[in-house]
PDB file of N, CA and C in Angstrom:
ATOM      1  N   UNK A   1       0.846  -1.165   0.001  1.00  0.00           N
ATOM      2  CA  UNK A   1      -0.001   0.000   0.005  1.00  0.00           C
ATOM      3  C   UNK A   1       0.898   1.226  -0.007  1.00  0.00           C
ATOM      4  N   UNK A   2       0.628   2.168  -0.911  1.00  0.00           N
ATOM      5  CA  UNK A   2       1.407   3.390  -1.006  1.00  0.00           C
ATOM      6  C   UNK A   2       0.481   4.553  -0.802  1.00  0.00           C
ATOM      7  N   UNK A   3       0.793   5.376   0.185  1.00  0.00           N
ATOM      8  CA  UNK A   3       0.021   6.580   0.438  1.00  0.00           C
ATOM      9  C   UNK A   3       0.939   7.785   0.339  1.00  0.00           C
ATOM     10  N   UNK A   4       0.506   8.752  -0.427  1.00  0.00           N
ATOM     11  CA  UNK A   4       1.241   9.996  -0.547  1.00  0.00           C
ATOM     12  C   UNK A   4       0.242  11.119  -0.337  1.00  0.00           C
ATOM     13  N   UNK A   5       0.475  11.885   0.703  1.00  0.00           N
ATOM     14  CA  UNK A   5      -0.523  12.900   1.020  1.00  0.00           C
ATOM     15  C   UNK A   5       0.039  13.981   1.888  1.00  0.00           C
ATOM     16  N   UNK A   6      -0.319  15.203   1.588  1.00  0.00           N
ATOM     17  CA  UNK A   6      -0.006  16.320   2.487  1.00  0.00           C
ATOM     18  C   UNK A   6      -1.187  16.557   3.425  1.00  0.00           C
ATOM     19  N   UNK A   7      -2.255  15.817   3.217  1.00  0.00           N
ATOM     20  CA  UNK A   7      -3.431  15.916   4.079  1.00  0.00           C
ATOM     21  C   UNK A   7      -3.280  14.936   5.238  1.00  0.00           C
ATOM     22  N   UNK A   8      -3.948  15.165   6.367  1.00  0.00           N
ATOM     23  CA  UNK A   8      -3.868  14.231   7.483  1.00  0.00           C
ATOM     24  C   UNK A   8      -4.329  12.826   7.115  1.00  0.00           C
ATOM     25  N   UNK A   9      -3.562  11.843   7.501  1.00  0.00           N
ATOM     26  CA  UNK A   9      -3.887  10.444   7.243  1.00  0.00           C
ATOM     27  C   UNK A   9      -4.175   9.812   8.586  1.00  0.00           C
ATOM     28  N   UNK A  10      -5.288   9.128   8.717  1.00  0.00           N
ATOM     29  CA  UNK A  10      -5.641   8.449   9.956  1.00  0.00           C
ATOM     30  C   UNK A  10      -4.958   7.084   9.966  1.00  0.00           C
ATOM     31  N   UNK A  11      -3.726   7.075  10.432  1.00  0.00           N
ATOM     32  CA  UNK A  11      -2.922   5.848  10.435  1.00  0.00           C
ATOM     33  C   UNK A  11      -3.508   4.812  11.360  1.00  0.00           C
ATOM     34  N   UNK A  12      -4.122   5.239  12.456  1.00  0.00           N
ATOM     35  CA  UNK A  12      -4.687   4.296  13.421  1.00  0.00           C
ATOM     36  C   UNK A  12      -5.786   3.473  12.792  1.00  0.00           C
ATOM     37  N   UNK A  13      -6.725   4.089  12.105  1.00  0.00           N
ATOM     38  CA  UNK A  13      -7.790   3.333  11.477  1.00  0.00           C
ATOM     39  C   UNK A  13      -7.269   2.541  10.300  1.00  0.00           C
ATOM     40  N   UNK A  14      -6.277   3.047   9.618  1.00  0.00           N
ATOM     41  CA  UNK A  14      -5.661   2.336   8.512  1.00  0.00           C
ATOM     42  C   UNK A  14      -5.037   1.048   8.969  1.00  0.00           C
ATOM     43  N   UNK A  15      -4.259   1.112  10.016  1.00  0.00           N
ATOM     44  CA  UNK A  15      -3.510  -0.069  10.475  1.00  0.00           C
ATOM     45  C   UNK A  15      -4.411  -1.125  11.089  1.00  0.00           C
ATOM     46  N   UNK A  16      -5.509  -0.757  11.694  1.00  0.00           N
ATOM     47  CA  UNK A  16      -6.370  -1.733  12.339  1.00  0.00           C
ATOM     48  C   UNK A  16      -7.034  -2.669  11.325  1.00  0.00           C
ATOM     49  N   UNK A  17      -7.200  -2.207  10.087  1.00  0.00           N
ATOM     50  CA  UNK A  17      -7.860  -3.050   9.084  1.00  0.00           C
ATOM     51  C   UNK A  17      -6.909  -3.782   8.158  1.00  0.00           C
ATOM     52  N   UNK A  18      -5.622  -3.650   8.379  1.00  0.00           N
ATOM     53  CA  UNK A  18      -4.653  -4.224   7.438  1.00  0.00           C
ATOM     54  C   UNK A  18      -3.610  -5.071   8.149  1.00  0.00           C
ATOM     55  N   UNK A  19      -4.063  -5.993   8.960  1.00  0.00           N
ATOM     56  CA  UNK A  19      -3.134  -6.791   9.779  1.00  0.00           C
ATOM     57  C   UNK A  19      -2.245  -7.731   8.959  1.00  0.00           C
ATOM     58  N   UNK A  20      -2.635  -8.078   7.734  1.00  0.00           N
ATOM     59  CA  UNK A  20      -1.790  -8.964   6.916  1.00  0.00           C
ATOM     60  C   UNK A  20      -1.046  -8.211   5.827  1.00  0.00           C
ATOM     61  N   UNK A  21      -1.015  -6.884   5.905  1.00  0.00           N
ATOM     62  CA  UNK A  21      -0.284  -6.098   4.930  1.00  0.00           C
ATOM     63  C   UNK A  21       1.207  -6.362   5.032  1.00  0.00           C
ATOM     64  N   UNK A  22       1.860  -6.499   3.864  1.00  0.00           N
ATOM     65  CA  UNK A  22       3.303  -6.796   3.870  1.00  0.00           C
ATOM     66  C   UNK A  22       4.170  -5.627   3.473  1.00  0.00           C
ATOM     67  N   UNK A  23       3.639  -4.686   2.711  1.00  0.00           N
ATOM     68  CA  UNK A  23       4.390  -3.528   2.235  1.00  0.00           C
ATOM     69  C   UNK A  23       3.589  -2.260   2.503  1.00  0.00           C
ATOM     70  N   UNK A  24       4.231  -1.294   3.162  1.00  0.00           N
ATOM     71  CA  UNK A  24       3.584  -0.001   3.422  1.00  0.00           C
ATOM     72  C   UNK A  24       4.577   1.115   3.151  1.00  0.00           C
ATOM     73  N   UNK A  25       4.150   2.031   2.315  1.00  0.00           N
ATOM     74  CA  UNK A  25       4.960   3.177   1.978  1.00  0.00           C
ATOM     75  C   UNK A  25       4.141   4.427   2.232  1.00  0.00           C
ATOM     76  N   UNK A  26       4.601   5.280   3.155  1.00  0.00           N
ATOM     77  CA  UNK A  26       3.943   6.526   3.473  1.00  0.00           C
ATOM     78  C   UNK A  26       4.897   7.669   3.062  1.00  0.00           C
ATOM     79  N   UNK A  27       4.497   8.444   2.097  1.00  0.00           N
ATOM     80  CA  UNK A  27       5.321   9.530   1.603  1.00  0.00           C
ATOM     81  C   UNK A  27       4.598  10.850   1.751  1.00  0.00           C
ATOM     82  N   UNK A  28       5.323  11.876   2.122  1.00  0.00           N
ATOM     83  CA  UNK A  28       4.804  13.249   2.179  1.00  0.00           C
ATOM     84  C   UNK A  28       3.601  13.395   3.114  1.00  0.00           C
ATOM     85  N   UNK A  29       3.562  12.614   4.169  1.00  0.00           N
ATOM     86  CA  UNK A  29       2.497  12.736   5.172  1.00  0.00           C
ATOM     87  C   UNK A  29       2.953  13.774   6.200  1.00  0.00           C
ATOM     88  N   UNK A  30       2.816  15.016   5.838  1.00  0.00           N
ATOM     89  CA  UNK A  30       3.399  16.116   6.608  1.00  0.00           C
ATOM     90  C   UNK A  30       2.766  16.304   7.973  1.00  0.00           C
ATOM     91  N   UNK A  31       1.581  15.779   8.221  1.00  0.00           N
ATOM     92  CA  UNK A  31       0.919  15.925   9.526  1.00  0.00           C
ATOM     93  C   UNK A  31       1.209  14.778  10.470  1.00  0.00           C
ATOM     94  N   UNK A  32       1.901  13.741  10.017  1.00  0.00           N
ATOM     95  CA  UNK A  32       2.163  12.556  10.823  1.00  0.00           C
ATOM     96  C   UNK A  32       3.286  12.849  11.809  1.00  0.00           C
ATOM     97  N   UNK A  33       3.007  12.801  13.110  1.00  0.00           N
ATOM     98  CA  UNK A  33       4.018  13.096  14.122  1.00  0.00           C
ATOM     99  C   UNK A  33       4.568  11.826  14.776  1.00  0.00           C
ATOM    100  N   UNK A  34       3.717  10.819  14.878  1.00  0.00           N
ATOM    101  CA  UNK A  34       4.146   9.540  15.445  1.00  0.00           C
ATOM    102  C   UNK A  34       3.213   8.448  14.898  1.00  0.00           C
ATOM    103  N   UNK A  35       3.610   7.217  15.056  1.00  0.00           N
ATOM    104  CA  UNK A  35       2.770   6.103  14.643  1.00  0.00           C
ATOM    105  C   UNK A  35       2.105   5.536  15.891  1.00  0.00           C
ATOM    106  N   UNK A  36       0.798   5.367  15.876  1.00  0.00           N
ATOM    107  CA  UNK A  36       0.111   4.848  17.063  1.00  0.00           C
ATOM    108  C   UNK A  36       0.480   3.387  17.335  1.00  0.00           C
ATOM    109  N   UNK A  37       0.307   2.950  18.561  1.00  0.00           N
ATOM    110  CA  UNK A  37       0.642   1.578  18.944  1.00  0.00           C
ATOM    111  C   UNK A  37      -0.122   0.552  18.096  1.00  0.00           C
ATOM    112  N   UNK A  38      -1.328   0.874  17.685  1.00  0.00           N
ATOM    113  CA  UNK A  38      -2.107  -0.069  16.863  1.00  0.00           C
ATOM    114  C   UNK A  38      -1.411  -0.316  15.511  1.00  0.00           C
ATOM    115  N   UNK A  39      -0.633   0.611  15.081  1.00  0.00           N
ATOM    116  CA  UNK A  39       0.110   0.458  13.821  1.00  0.00           C
ATOM    117  C   UNK A  39       1.026  -0.746  13.855  1.00  0.00           C
ATOM    118  N   UNK A  40       1.593  -1.005  15.017  1.00  0.00           N
ATOM    119  CA  UNK A  40       2.592  -2.067  15.158  1.00  0.00           C
ATOM    120  C   UNK A  40       1.969  -3.455  15.323  1.00  0.00           C
ATOM    121  N   UNK A  41       0.664  -3.559  15.124  1.00  0.00           N
ATOM    122  CA  UNK A  41       0.003  -4.864  15.160  1.00  0.00           C
ATOM    123  C   UNK A  41      -0.070  -5.478  13.775  1.00  0.00           C
ATOM    124  N   UNK A  42       0.522  -4.830  12.803  1.00  0.00           N
ATOM    125  CA  UNK A  42       0.586  -5.390  11.450  1.00  0.00           C
ATOM    126  C   UNK A  42       1.750  -6.379  11.402  1.00  0.00           C
ATOM    127  N   UNK A  43       1.543  -7.539  11.990  1.00  0.00           N
ATOM    128  CA  UNK A  43       2.601  -8.518  12.186  1.00  0.00           C
ATOM    129  C   UNK A  43       3.215  -9.084  10.929  1.00  0.00           C
ATOM    130  N   UNK A  44       2.551  -8.975   9.796  1.00  0.00           N
ATOM    131  CA  UNK A  44       3.071  -9.512   8.527  1.00  0.00           C
ATOM    132  C   UNK A  44       3.908  -8.477   7.772  1.00  0.00           C
ATOM    133  N   UNK A  45       3.988  -7.249   8.282  1.00  0.00           N
ATOM    134  CA  UNK A  45       4.680  -6.180   7.560  1.00  0.00           C
ATOM    135  C   UNK A  45       6.162  -6.477   7.420  1.00  0.00           C
ATOM    136  N   UNK A  46       6.636  -6.487   6.165  1.00  0.00           N
ATOM    137  CA  UNK A  46       8.037  -6.769   5.862  1.00  0.00           C
ATOM    138  C   UNK A  46       8.783  -5.529   5.378  1.00  0.00           C
ATOM    139  N   UNK A  47       8.059  -4.594   4.805  1.00  0.00           N
ATOM    140  CA  UNK A  47       8.676  -3.432   4.150  1.00  0.00           C
ATOM    141  C   UNK A  47       7.955  -2.169   4.625  1.00  0.00           C
ATOM    142  N   UNK A  48       8.696  -1.288   5.277  1.00  0.00           N
ATOM    143  CA  UNK A  48       8.104  -0.040   5.770  1.00  0.00           C
ATOM    144  C   UNK A  48       8.972   1.114   5.314  1.00  0.00           C
ATOM    145  N   UNK A  49       8.347   2.025   4.584  1.00  0.00           N
ATOM    146  CA  UNK A  49       9.055   3.189   4.076  1.00  0.00           C
ATOM    147  C   UNK A  49       8.290   4.444   4.506  1.00  0.00           C
ATOM    148  N   UNK A  50       8.978   5.363   5.182  1.00  0.00           N
ATOM    149  CA  UNK A  50       8.419   6.623   5.593  1.00  0.00           C
ATOM    150  C   UNK A  50       9.329   7.713   5.037  1.00  0.00           C
ATOM    151  N   UNK A  51       8.873   8.387   3.995  1.00  0.00           N
ATOM    152  CA  UNK A  51       9.688   9.396   3.337  1.00  0.00           C
ATOM    153  C   UNK A  51       9.009  10.759   3.407  1.00  0.00           C
ATOM    154  N   UNK A  52       9.810  11.732   3.769  1.00  0.00           N
ATOM    155  CA  UNK A  52       9.354  13.117   3.803  1.00  0.00           C
ATOM    156  C   UNK A  52       8.146  13.313   4.709  1.00  0.00           C
ATOM    157  N   UNK A  53       8.115  12.605   5.790  1.00  0.00           N
ATOM    158  CA  UNK A  53       7.095  12.805   6.834  1.00  0.00           C
ATOM    159  C   UNK A  53       7.711  13.784   7.818  1.00  0.00           C
ATOM    160  N   UNK A  54       7.636  15.044   7.477  1.00  0.00           N
ATOM    161  CA  UNK A  54       8.423  16.106   8.116  1.00  0.00           C
ATOM    162  C   UNK A  54       8.190  16.257   9.628  1.00  0.00           C
ATOM    163  N   UNK A  55       7.035  15.890  10.141  1.00  0.00           N
ATOM    164  CA  UNK A  55       6.716  16.060  11.560  1.00  0.00           C
ATOM    165  C   UNK A  55       6.990  14.793  12.372  1.00  0.00           C
ATOM    166  N   UNK A  56       7.285  13.701  11.733  1.00  0.00           N
ATOM    167  CA  UNK A  56       7.564  12.449  12.448  1.00  0.00           C
ATOM    168  C   UNK A  56       8.834  12.610  13.265  1.00  0.00           C
ATOM    169  N   UNK A  57       8.747  12.365  14.574  1.00  0.00           N
ATOM    170  CA  UNK A  57       9.934  12.585  15.405  1.00  0.00           C
ATOM    171  C   UNK A  57      10.447  11.354  16.126  1.00  0.00           C
ATOM    172  N   UNK A  58       9.676  10.298  16.221  1.00  0.00           N
ATOM    173  CA  UNK A  58      10.148   9.095  16.880  1.00  0.00           C
ATOM    174  C   UNK A  58       9.292   7.886  16.526  1.00  0.00           C
ATOM    175  N   UNK A  59       9.769   6.723  16.846  1.00  0.00           N
ATOM    176  CA  UNK A  59       8.994   5.479  16.778  1.00  0.00           C
ATOM    177  C   UNK A  59       8.871   4.963  18.205  1.00  0.00           C
ATOM    178  N   UNK A  60       7.762   4.371  18.554  1.00  0.00           N
ATOM    179  CA  UNK A  60       7.576   3.910  19.929  1.00  0.00           C
ATOM    180  C   UNK A  60       8.239   2.550  20.144  1.00  0.00           C
ATOM    181  N   UNK A  61       8.296   2.148  21.406  1.00  0.00           N
ATOM    182  CA  UNK A  61       8.859   0.852  21.763  1.00  0.00           C
ATOM    183  C   UNK A  61       8.101  -0.300  21.118  1.00  0.00           C
ATOM    184  N   UNK A  62       6.865  -0.038  20.712  1.00  0.00           N
ATOM    185  CA  UNK A  62       6.038  -1.079  20.098  1.00  0.00           C
ATOM    186  C   UNK A  62       6.558  -1.545  18.743  1.00  0.00           C
ATOM    187  N   UNK A  63       7.563  -0.889  18.217  1.00  0.00           N
ATOM    188  CA  UNK A  63       8.105  -1.316  16.922  1.00  0.00           C
ATOM    189  C   UNK A  63       8.612  -2.748  17.003  1.00  0.00           C
ATOM    190  N   UNK A  64       8.975  -3.208  18.189  1.00  0.00           N
ATOM    191  CA  UNK A  64       9.483  -4.575  18.331  1.00  0.00           C
ATOM    192  C   UNK A  64       8.431  -5.622  17.974  1.00  0.00           C
ATOM    193  N   UNK A  65       7.143  -5.200  17.879  1.00  0.00           N
ATOM    194  CA  UNK A  65       6.079  -6.147  17.492  1.00  0.00           C
ATOM    195  C   UNK A  65       6.096  -6.450  16.008  1.00  0.00           C
ATOM    196  N   UNK A  66       6.831  -5.674  15.234  1.00  0.00           N
ATOM    197  CA  UNK A  66       6.918  -5.923  13.775  1.00  0.00           C
ATOM    198  C   UNK A  66       7.999  -6.962  13.519  1.00  0.00           C
ATOM    199  N   UNK A  67       7.773  -8.175  13.987  1.00  0.00           N
ATOM    200  CA  UNK A  67       8.787  -9.199  13.947  1.00  0.00           C
ATOM    201  C   UNK A  67       9.151  -9.670  12.536  1.00  0.00           C
ATOM    202  N   UNK A  68       8.283  -9.456  11.556  1.00  0.00           N
ATOM    203  CA  UNK A  68       8.563  -9.854  10.181  1.00  0.00           C
ATOM    204  C   UNK A  68       9.315  -8.771   9.398  1.00  0.00           C
ATOM    205  N   UNK A  69       9.501  -7.604   9.995  1.00  0.00           N
ATOM    206  CA  UNK A  69      10.087  -6.472   9.284  1.00  0.00           C
ATOM    207  C   UNK A  69      11.512  -6.770   8.811  1.00  0.00           C
ATOM    208  N   UNK A  70      11.725  -6.576   7.512  1.00  0.00           N
ATOM    209  CA  UNK A  70      13.044  -6.804   6.910  1.00  0.00           C
ATOM    210  C   UNK A  70      13.642  -5.534   6.336  1.00  0.00           C
ATOM    211  N   UNK A  71      12.798  -4.556   5.982  1.00  0.00           N
ATOM    212  CA  UNK A  71      13.260  -3.335   5.321  1.00  0.00           C
ATOM    213  C   UNK A  71      12.615  -2.130   6.008  1.00  0.00           C
ATOM    214  N   UNK A  72      13.456  -1.214   6.457  1.00  0.00           N
ATOM    215  CA  UNK A  72      12.973   0.017   7.064  1.00  0.00           C
ATOM    216  C   UNK A  72      13.710   1.180   6.489  1.00  0.00           C
ATOM    217  N   UNK A  73      12.971   2.123   5.932  1.00  0.00           N
ATOM    218  CA  UNK A  73      13.580   3.309   5.344  1.00  0.00           C
ATOM    219  C   UNK A  73      12.883   4.564   5.879  1.00  0.00           C
ATOM    220  N   UNK A  74      13.664   5.421   6.485  1.00  0.00           N
ATOM    221  CA  UNK A  74      13.208   6.744   6.939  1.00  0.00           C
ATOM    222  C   UNK A  74      14.069   7.762   6.230  1.00  0.00           C
ATOM    223  N   UNK A  75      13.482   8.526   5.368  1.00  0.00           N
ATOM    224  CA  UNK A  75      14.237   9.527   4.630  1.00  0.00           C
ATOM    225  C   UNK A  75      13.530  10.871   4.681  1.00  0.00           C
ATOM    226  N   UNK A  76      14.312  11.891   4.906  1.00  0.00           N
ATOM    227  CA  UNK A  76      13.809  13.277   4.924  1.00  0.00           C
ATOM    228  C   UNK A  76      12.731  13.457   6.012  1.00  0.00           C
ATOM    229  N   UNK A  77      12.819  12.721   7.063  1.00  0.00           N
ATOM    230  CA  UNK A  77      11.943  12.939   8.239  1.00  0.00           C
ATOM    231  C   UNK A  77      12.787  13.865   9.142  1.00  0.00           C
ATOM    232  N   UNK A  78      12.752  15.119   8.825  1.00  0.00           N
ATOM    233  CA  UNK A  78      13.718  16.089   9.367  1.00  0.00           C
ATOM    234  C   UNK A  78      13.624  16.285  10.887  1.00  0.00           C
ATOM    235  N   UNK A  79      12.504  15.973  11.515  1.00  0.00           N
ATOM    236  CA  UNK A  79      12.397  16.094  12.967  1.00  0.00           C
ATOM    237  C   UNK A  79      12.620  14.782  13.691  1.00  0.00           C
ATOM    238  N   UNK A  80      12.853  13.707  12.956  1.00  0.00           N
ATOM    239  CA  UNK A  80      13.047  12.390  13.569  1.00  0.00           C
ATOM    240  C   UNK A  80      14.321  12.423  14.425  1.00  0.00           C
ATOM    241  N   UNK A  81      14.174  12.074  15.714  1.00  0.00           N
ATOM    242  CA  UNK A  81      15.329  12.234  16.601  1.00  0.00           C
ATOM    243  C   UNK A  81      15.670  11.031  17.471  1.00  0.00           C
ATOM    244  N   UNK A  82      14.894   9.949  17.418  1.00  0.00           N
ATOM    245  CA  UNK A  82      15.185   8.836  18.290  1.00  0.00           C
ATOM    246  C   UNK A  82      14.625   7.524  17.791  1.00  0.00           C
ATOM    247  N   UNK A  83      15.431   6.491  17.910  1.00  0.00           N
ATOM    248  CA  UNK A  83      14.961   5.111  17.718  1.00  0.00           C
ATOM    249  C   UNK A  83      14.831   4.508  19.112  1.00  0.00           C
ATOM    250  N   UNK A  84      13.784   3.756  19.369  1.00  0.00           N
ATOM    251  CA  UNK A  84      13.598   3.194  20.720  1.00  0.00           C
ATOM    252  C   UNK A  84      14.600   2.059  20.974  1.00  0.00           C
ATOM    253  N   UNK A  85      14.819   1.774  22.263  1.00  0.00           N
ATOM    254  CA  UNK A  85      15.708   0.686  22.649  1.00  0.00           C
ATOM    255  C   UNK A  85      15.262  -0.654  22.041  1.00  0.00           C
ATOM    256  N   UNK A  86      13.943  -0.823  21.896  1.00  0.00           N
ATOM    257  CA  UNK A  86      13.406  -2.094  21.368  1.00  0.00           C
ATOM    258  C   UNK A  86      13.764  -2.298  19.904  1.00  0.00           C
ATOM    259  N   UNK A  87      14.328  -1.296  19.251  1.00  0.00           N
ATOM    260  CA  UNK A  87      14.734  -1.408  17.857  1.00  0.00           C
ATOM    261  C   UNK A  87      15.675  -2.596  17.652  1.00  0.00           C
ATOM    262  N   UNK A  88      16.487  -2.869  18.628  1.00  0.00           N
ATOM    263  CA  UNK A  88      17.433  -3.981  18.537  1.00  0.00           C
ATOM    264  C   UNK A  88      16.773  -5.344  18.531  1.00  0.00           C
ATOM    265  N   UNK A  89      15.488  -5.411  18.884  1.00  0.00           N
ATOM    266  CA  UNK A  89      14.765  -6.685  18.893  1.00  0.00           C
ATOM    267  C   UNK A  89      14.281  -7.083  17.488  1.00  0.00           C
ATOM    268  N   UNK A  90      14.475  -6.188  16.527  1.00  0.00           N
ATOM    269  CA  UNK A  90      14.053  -6.473  15.134  1.00  0.00           C
ATOM    270  C   UNK A  90      15.159  -7.258  14.458  1.00  0.00           C
ATOM    271  N   UNK A  91      15.305  -8.511  14.834  1.00  0.00           N
ATOM    272  CA  UNK A  91      16.417  -9.327  14.361  1.00  0.00           C
ATOM    273  C   UNK A  91      16.315  -9.714  12.901  1.00  0.00           C
ATOM    274  N   UNK A  92      15.129  -9.582  12.313  1.00  0.00           N
ATOM    275  CA  UNK A  92      14.970  -9.909  10.885  1.00  0.00           C
ATOM    276  C   UNK A  92      15.322  -8.772   9.954  1.00  0.00           C
ATOM    277  N   UNK A  93      15.642  -7.605  10.487  1.00  0.00           N
ATOM    278  CA  UNK A  93      15.951  -6.464   9.619  1.00  0.00           C
ATOM    279  C   UNK A  93      17.192  -6.757   8.780  1.00  0.00           C
ATOM    280  N   UNK A  94      17.054  -6.556   7.471  1.00  0.00           N
ATOM    281  CA  UNK A  94      18.168  -6.749   6.561  1.00  0.00           C
ATOM    282  C   UNK A  94      18.650  -5.423   5.986  1.00  0.00           C
ATOM    283  N   UNK A  95      17.770  -4.414   6.009  1.00  0.00           N
ATOM    284  CA  UNK A  95      18.102  -3.126   5.415  1.00  0.00           C
ATOM    285  C   UNK A  95      17.506  -2.014   6.254  1.00  0.00           C
ATOM    286  N   UNK A  96      18.320  -1.055   6.627  1.00  0.00           N
ATOM    287  CA  UNK A  96      17.854   0.126   7.354  1.00  0.00           C
ATOM    288  C   UNK A  96      18.477   1.344   6.692  1.00  0.00           C
ATOM    289  N   UNK A  97      17.652   2.295   6.307  1.00  0.00           N
ATOM    290  CA  UNK A  97      18.126   3.554   5.730  1.00  0.00           C
ATOM    291  C   UNK A  97      17.608   4.692   6.577  1.00  0.00           C
ATOM    292  N   UNK A  98      18.485   5.579   6.974  1.00  0.00           N
ATOM    293  CA  UNK A  98      18.141   6.770   7.759  1.00  0.00           C
ATOM    294  C   UNK A  98      18.784   7.950   7.065  1.00  0.00           C
ATOM    295  N   UNK A  99      18.173   8.404   6.009  1.00  0.00           N
ATOM    296  CA  UNK A  99      18.729   9.502   5.240  1.00  0.00           C
ATOM    297  C   UNK A  99      18.056  10.833   5.583  1.00  0.00           C
ATOM    298  N   UNK A 100      18.853  11.848   5.713  1.00  0.00           N
ATOM    299  CA  UNK A 100      18.367  13.195   5.994  1.00  0.00           C
ATOM    300  C   UNK A 100      17.500  13.244   7.250  1.00  0.00           C
ATOM    301  N   UNK A 101      17.872  12.471   8.240  1.00  0.00           N
ATOM    302  CA  UNK A 101      17.270  12.538   9.563  1.00  0.00           C
ATOM    303  C   UNK A 101      18.337  13.177  10.471  1.00  0.00           C
ATOM    304  N   UNK A 102      18.609  14.445  10.241  1.00  0.00           N
ATOM    305  CA  UNK A 102      19.761  15.107  10.866  1.00  0.00           C
ATOM    306  C   UNK A 102      19.688  15.207  12.378  1.00  0.00           C
ATOM    307  N   UNK A 103      18.504  15.132  12.972  1.00  0.00           N
ATOM    308  CA  UNK A 103      18.378  15.240  14.407  1.00  0.00           C
ATOM    309  C   UNK A 103      18.600  13.902  15.138  1.00  0.00           C
ATOM    310  N   UNK A 104      18.742  12.826  14.398  1.00  0.00           N
ATOM    311  CA  UNK A 104      19.001  11.514  14.997  1.00  0.00           C
ATOM    312  C   UNK A 104      20.433  11.494  15.514  1.00  0.00           C
ATOM    313  N   UNK A 105      20.566  11.465  16.837  1.00  0.00           N
ATOM    314  CA  UNK A 105      21.885  11.575  17.451  1.00  0.00           C
ATOM    315  C   UNK A 105      22.675  10.268  17.387  1.00  0.00           C
ATOM    316  N   UNK A 106      22.082   9.166  17.800  1.00  0.00           N
ATOM    317  CA  UNK A 106      22.799   7.894  17.885  1.00  0.00           C
ATOM    318  C   UNK A 106      21.795   6.740  17.772  1.00  0.00           C
ATOM    319  N   UNK A 107      22.309   5.593  17.459  1.00  0.00           N
ATOM    320  CA  UNK A 107      21.472   4.392  17.454  1.00  0.00           C
ATOM    321  C   UNK A 107      21.429   3.833  18.864  1.00  0.00           C
ATOM    322  N   UNK A 108      20.333   3.175  19.239  1.00  0.00           N
ATOM    323  CA  UNK A 108      20.255   2.616  20.578  1.00  0.00           C
ATOM    324  C   UNK A 108      21.299   1.524  20.785  1.00  0.00           C
ATOM    325  N   UNK A 109      21.683   1.309  22.023  1.00  0.00           N
ATOM    326  CA  UNK A 109      22.696   0.320  22.352  1.00  0.00           C
ATOM    327  C   UNK A 109      22.271  -1.093  21.973  1.00  0.00           C
ATOM    328  N   UNK A 110      20.978  -1.337  22.017  1.00  0.00           N
ATOM    329  CA  UNK A 110      20.491  -2.691  21.720  1.00  0.00           C
ATOM    330  C   UNK A 110      20.681  -2.999  20.242  1.00  0.00           C
TER     331      UNK A 110
END
């Protein structure tokens, strides 16, 4: 599923109906500040791309629930500043891109 929008996207209602979704690409979602915990119940998600979501600033500890995740790309999320400690529990990750996330200080120890 690919969503590109400068209008507000209700990610919570989106994620609750797509539990078997494998690919999600959110681009230019300028009103998106964080992903709700319900988002991380998409257990089949393998590919997550968040590009140019200018207000996105962090991911919650619930990201560890995306156990099938293999690809994560965050690009041009200019306010993104932290990955949670649970990020290290995503042992299936094969690719991580963090481009133009200038406020991201360091990766978690995990």
